[in-house]
Amino acid sequence: MTNPETATDNSRDLVLVRRFNAPCDLVFRAWTDPEALVQWCGPHGFKAVGDRLEAWPGGRHRACLIAPDGEEHWVGGKYLEVEPPHRLVFTHAWERGTGQTSPETLVTITFRESDGGTEMTFRQIGFESASSLAGHESGWSESFERLSSFVGTESEGRNHA
């Protein structure tokens, strides 16, 4: 059965579309303000700790998602495009215990006004496997539920057309 909040294609692209009853600038700021981002980022039960958030082209980001059992998951990358309040593009790679990183993926997020709220389209491409895509789909979906609560609204998900 297809998840009504997710659309994927055979090239291992993950596309999640959410609608928030909040203005674009608020939803965009939740992604680019370090104090805001740690309040909602990560699956349910995880705590986010920011290390670096330089939300400008060429800026870096790095954070740790701490699982309920205390296991740390470090992630980082580089901002390629930052167009407030409509578009973010950045790389995303997990740090491995070996000092290396997972294969880098590319995240593109667009925010557009829609019926007095914001439609956010999240696309992540370049997954090394179907299982990596599925894990990210689950994690991001839970993060976006938390984002909805953070901006103080209910969100609606749907397939990307």
Protein backbone atom coordinates (compact mmCIF):
# COMPACT_ATOMS: atom_id res chain seq x y z
CA MET A 1 0.00 0.00 0.00
CA THR A 2 1.28 3.46 -0.85
CA ASN A 3 1.72 5.91 2.00
CA PRO A 4 -0.59 8.86 1.18
CA GLU A 5 1.99 11.28 2.60
CA THR A 6 4.89 10.03 0.47
CA ALA A 7 5.75 9.65 -3.17
CA THR A 8 8.84 7.79 -4.35
CA ASP A 9 10.09 6.79 -7.74
CA ASN A 10 12.42 4.10 -9.00
CA SER A 11 15.50 6.33 -8.82
CA ARG A 12 15.38 6.27 -5.01
CA ASP A 13 14.05 9.79 -4.61
CA LEU A 14 12.10 10.56 -1.47
CA VAL A 15 9.41 13.21 -1.82
CA LEU A 16 7.29 14.30 1.15
CA VAL A 17 4.70 17.04 0.86
CA ARG A 18 3.20 18.65 3.95
CA ARG A 19 0.82 21.52 4.46
CA PHE A 20 1.14 23.67 7.57
CA ASN A 21 -1.37 26.23 8.78
CA ALA A 22 1.48 28.68 9.36
CA PRO A 23 3.13 31.31 7.15
CA CYS A 24 6.11 30.43 4.93
CA ASP A 25 8.50 32.62 6.89
CA LEU A 26 7.70 30.74 10.13
CA VAL A 27 8.14 27.28 8.59
CA PHE A 28 11.32 28.38 6.78
CA ARG A 29 12.71 29.87 9.99
CA ALA A 30 12.07 26.56 11.79
CA TRP A 31 14.64 25.05 9.38
CA THR A 32 17.23 27.85 9.61
CA ASP A 33 17.17 29.04 13.23
CA PRO A 34 19.43 26.77 15.33
CA GLU A 35 17.30 27.16 18.46
CA ALA A 36 14.15 26.28 16.51
CA LEU A 37 15.59 23.35 14.58
CA VAL A 38 16.63 21.40 17.69
CA GLN A 39 13.07 21.68 19.04
CA TRP A 40 11.54 19.49 16.33
CA CYS A 41 14.22 17.71 14.29
CA GLY A 42 14.45 13.95 14.70
CA PRO A 43 12.07 11.05 15.09
CA HIS A 44 9.77 10.75 18.11
CA GLY A 45 11.74 10.22 21.31
CA PHE A 46 14.98 11.60 19.85
CA LYS A 47 16.71 14.74 21.08
CA ALA A 48 18.54 17.01 18.63
CA VAL A 49 21.67 18.88 19.61
CA GLY A 50 23.01 21.46 17.19
CA ASP A 51 26.73 21.82 16.59
CA ARG A 52 26.72 24.16 13.59
CA LEU A 53 24.04 25.84 11.47
CA GLU A 54 25.33 28.33 8.93
CA ALA A 55 22.25 28.85 6.77
CA TRP A 56 23.84 30.64 3.82
CA PRO A 57 25.24 29.33 0.52
CA GLY A 58 28.52 27.61 1.34
CA GLY A 59 27.66 27.41 5.05
CA ARG A 60 27.92 24.14 6.95
CA HIS A 61 25.49 22.30 9.19
CA ARG A 62 26.15 19.59 11.75
CA ALA A 63 23.94 18.13 14.45
CA CYS A 64 23.49 15.07 16.60
CA LEU A 65 20.26 13.12 16.96
CA ILE A 66 20.31 11.27 20.28
CA ALA A 67 18.17 8.14 20.40
CA PRO A 68 16.11 7.28 23.50
CA ASP A 69 18.79 4.69 24.42
CA GLY A 70 21.50 7.38 24.26
CA GLU A 71 23.01 6.30 20.94
CA GLU A 72 24.33 9.31 19.01
CA HIS A 73 23.73 9.82 15.28
CA TRP A 74 25.79 12.69 13.82
CA VAL A 75 24.84 14.26 10.50
CA GLY A 76 26.20 17.16 8.52
CA GLY A 77 26.57 18.82 5.17
CA LYS A 78 26.75 22.05 3.25
CA TYR A 79 24.13 24.59 2.19
CA LEU A 80 24.07 25.11 -1.57
CA GLU A 81 21.05 27.44 -1.87
CA VAL A 82 19.25 29.53 0.74
CA GLU A 83 16.40 31.67 -0.62
CA PRO A 84 14.26 32.91 2.30
CA PRO A 85 11.45 32.00 2.74
CA HIS A 86 10.99 29.80 -0.33
CA ARG A 87 13.86 27.38 -0.90
CA LEU A 88 16.66 25.46 0.82
CA VAL A 89 19.13 23.09 -0.83
CA PHE A 90 21.78 21.26 1.17
CA THR A 91 23.84 18.09 1.29
CA HIS A 92 23.21 15.47 3.97
CA ALA A 93 25.60 12.73 5.15
CA TRP A 94 25.75 10.63 8.32
CA GLU A 95 29.06 10.40 10.16
CA ARG A 96 30.22 6.86 10.74
CA GLY A 97 32.27 5.65 13.69
CA THR A 98 35.16 5.03 11.29
CA GLY A 99 35.62 8.76 10.77
CA GLN A 100 34.06 8.51 7.33
CA THR A 101 30.58 9.52 6.18
CA SER A 102 27.72 7.77 4.48
CA PRO A 103 27.16 8.54 0.82
CA GLU A 104 25.99 12.13 0.51
CA THR A 105 22.39 12.84 -0.44
CA LEU A 106 20.93 16.09 -1.71
CA VAL A 107 17.94 17.72 0.03
CA THR A 108 15.78 20.35 -1.68
CA ILE A 109 12.94 21.95 0.24
CA THR A 110 10.49 24.41 -1.24
CA PHE A 111 7.95 26.45 0.69
CA ARG A 112 4.98 28.05 -1.02
CA GLU A 113 1.98 29.92 0.26
CA SER A 114 -1.17 27.83 0.03
CA ASP A 115 -4.62 28.78 1.33
CA GLY A 116 -3.23 30.99 4.07
CA GLY A 117 -0.64 28.42 5.10
CA THR A 118 2.48 26.80 3.71
CA GLU A 119 2.94 23.83 1.43
CA MET A 120 6.37 22.34 2.02
CA THR A 121 7.81 19.96 -0.56
CA PHE A 122 10.78 17.98 0.69
CA ARG A 123 12.89 16.01 -1.78
CA GLN A 124 15.95 13.93 -0.87
CA ILE A 125 17.87 12.16 -3.63
CA GLY A 126 20.93 9.93 -3.92
CA PHE A 127 20.17 7.11 -1.48
CA GLU A 128 22.56 4.16 -1.57
CA SER A 129 19.78 1.63 -1.00
CA ALA A 130 16.04 1.16 -0.73
CA SER A 131 16.44 0.47 3.00
CA SER A 132 18.25 3.78 3.51
CA LEU A 133 15.41 5.57 1.70
CA ALA A 134 12.83 3.78 3.86
CA GLY A 135 14.64 4.69 7.06
CA HIS A 136 14.84 8.33 6.03
CA GLU A 137 11.17 8.34 5.03
CA SER A 138 10.20 7.17 8.50
CA GLY A 139 12.54 9.56 10.31
CA TRP A 140 11.59 12.62 8.28
CA SER A 141 7.87 11.81 8.55
CA GLU A 142 8.12 11.75 12.34
CA SER A 143 10.23 14.93 12.29
CA PHE A 144 7.56 16.68 10.23
CA GLU A 145 4.90 15.66 12.77
CA ARG A 146 7.07 17.34 15.39
CA LEU A 147 7.55 20.36 13.10
CA SER A 148 3.78 20.68 12.84
CA SER A 149 3.50 20.78 16.62
CA PHE A 150 6.39 23.23 16.82
CA VAL A 151 4.75 25.75 14.49
CA GLY A 152 1.54 25.22 16.47
CA THR A 153 -0.61 23.73 13.77
CA GLU A 154 -1.96 20.53 12.37
CA SER A 155 -0.35 19.42 9.13
CA GLU A 156 -1.81 17.52 6.25
CA GLY A 157 0.22 15.14 4.09
CA ARG A 158 -0.43 14.13 0.51
CA ASN A 159 1.28 12.62 -2.47
CA HIS A 160 3.40 14.88 -4.60
CA ALA A 161 1.67 15.29 -7.94
